Protein backbone atom coordinates (compact mmCIF):
# COMPACT_ATOMS: atom_id res chain seq x y z
CA MET A 1 -65.46 -103.74 49.24
CA SER A 2 -62.10 -103.38 50.20
CA LEU A 3 -60.24 -99.15 50.06
CA ILE A 4 -58.03 -100.65 47.51
CA GLY A 5 -60.65 -101.92 45.40
CA LEU A 6 -62.39 -98.58 45.79
CA ASP A 7 -59.14 -97.51 45.12
CA ASP A 8 -58.72 -98.61 42.17
CA LEU A 9 -62.77 -98.25 40.86
CA LYS A 10 -62.58 -94.39 41.38
CA ARG A 11 -58.65 -94.54 38.94
CA LYS A 12 -61.28 -96.64 36.02
CA LEU A 13 -63.18 -94.51 36.53
CA GLN A 14 -61.58 -90.93 36.25
CA GLU A 15 -59.34 -92.69 32.92
CA LEU A 16 -62.62 -93.96 31.41
CA GLN A 17 -63.52 -89.97 31.83
CA LYS A 18 -61.08 -88.63 30.73
CA VAL A 19 -61.67 -91.28 27.54
CA ALA A 20 -65.13 -90.15 26.89
CA GLU A 21 -63.83 -86.70 27.31
CA GLU A 22 -61.05 -86.71 24.16
CA LEU A 23 -63.31 -89.19 22.09
CA ASP A 24 -65.61 -86.60 22.01
CA GLY A 25 -66.41 -84.94 19.01
CA ASN A 26 -64.46 -85.34 15.57
CA ILE A 27 -61.61 -87.66 16.17
CA THR A 28 -60.65 -87.63 12.77
CA ASN A 29 -61.43 -87.06 9.12
CA VAL A 30 -61.79 -90.27 6.59
CA SER A 31 -62.34 -90.60 2.93
CA PHE A 32 -63.50 -93.64 0.64
CA GLU A 33 -63.97 -95.16 -3.01
CA PRO A 34 -67.69 -96.18 -1.74
CA HIS A 35 -66.77 -99.27 -4.50
CA ASP A 36 -63.50 -100.38 -3.44
CA PRO A 37 -63.72 -102.79 -0.61
CA GLN A 38 -59.63 -102.58 0.31
CA SER A 39 -60.14 -98.45 0.85
CA ILE A 40 -63.41 -98.74 3.00
CA ASP A 41 -61.10 -100.89 5.31
CA LEU A 42 -58.26 -98.50 4.69
CA ALA A 43 -60.79 -95.50 5.84
CA ILE A 44 -61.49 -98.18 8.75
CA GLN A 45 -58.42 -99.17 9.99
CA ARG A 46 -57.67 -95.30 9.87
CA MET A 47 -60.30 -94.48 12.24
CA GLU A 48 -59.33 -97.76 14.69
CA SER A 49 -55.84 -96.35 14.59
CA ALA A 50 -57.06 -92.04 16.19
CA VAL A 51 -58.75 -94.03 18.50
CA ASP A 52 -56.00 -96.11 19.54
CA GLU A 53 -54.23 -92.45 19.80
CA LYS A 54 -56.89 -91.11 21.79
CA VAL A 55 -56.74 -93.48 23.99
CA GLY A 56 -53.46 -93.90 25.13
CA ASP A 57 -52.02 -94.92 27.96
CA TYR A 58 -55.34 -96.30 29.44
CA ARG A 59 -55.25 -99.42 27.88
CA GLY A 60 -56.00 -102.51 30.73
CA ASN A 61 -59.10 -100.35 31.73
CA ASN A 62 -61.74 -103.24 31.33
CA MET A 63 -64.26 -100.41 31.35
CA VAL A 64 -62.02 -97.71 29.18
CA GLU A 65 -61.20 -101.55 27.01
CA ASP A 66 -65.05 -101.07 26.15
CA LEU A 67 -66.49 -97.69 25.37
CA VAL A 68 -63.03 -98.66 22.84
CA LEU A 69 -64.73 -101.26 20.95
CA ALA A 70 -68.39 -100.13 21.41
CA ILE A 71 -66.83 -96.21 20.04
CA LYS A 72 -64.94 -98.33 17.06
CA GLU A 73 -67.75 -100.69 16.41
CA ARG A 74 -70.27 -98.00 16.02
CA TYR A 75 -67.80 -95.84 13.60
CA ARG A 76 -67.17 -99.02 11.85
CA GLN A 77 -70.66 -99.16 10.91
CA ALA A 78 -70.92 -95.49 9.62
CA ILE A 79 -68.38 -96.38 7.33
CA ILE A 80 -69.69 -99.51 5.64
CA ASP A 81 -73.08 -97.55 5.57
CA ARG A 82 -71.87 -94.55 3.91
CA ALA A 83 -70.44 -97.05 1.69
CA ALA A 84 -73.19 -98.59 1.20
CA GLU A 85 -75.28 -95.01 0.64
CA ALA A 86 -72.55 -93.75 -1.40
CA ARG A 87 -73.00 -97.17 -3.98
CA ALA A 88 -76.99 -96.64 -3.65
CA GLY A 89 -76.21 -93.04 -4.74
CA LYS A 90 -75.08 -94.05 -7.67
CA GLU A 91 -76.59 -96.71 -9.30
CA ASP A 92 -79.44 -94.69 -8.63
């Protein structure tokens, strides 16, 4: 690997670390109506926008992009799961 390649990798790793620190902890709070699919979709969109806002200028870094996709999927699934749990709780 050339020196330029190593410098690029170092920069990408530093950006990944900064993004990971930004995304550690509470990103945003969302609320939704568990029986309303549109409300759930809006909560997911608000969460994704909050993640994108935290990531800021680090787009284009493939490692950052992979992390962002994983985090968005994790939170999207958490919202869907909580909605399902709330619906099940009300039905019991």
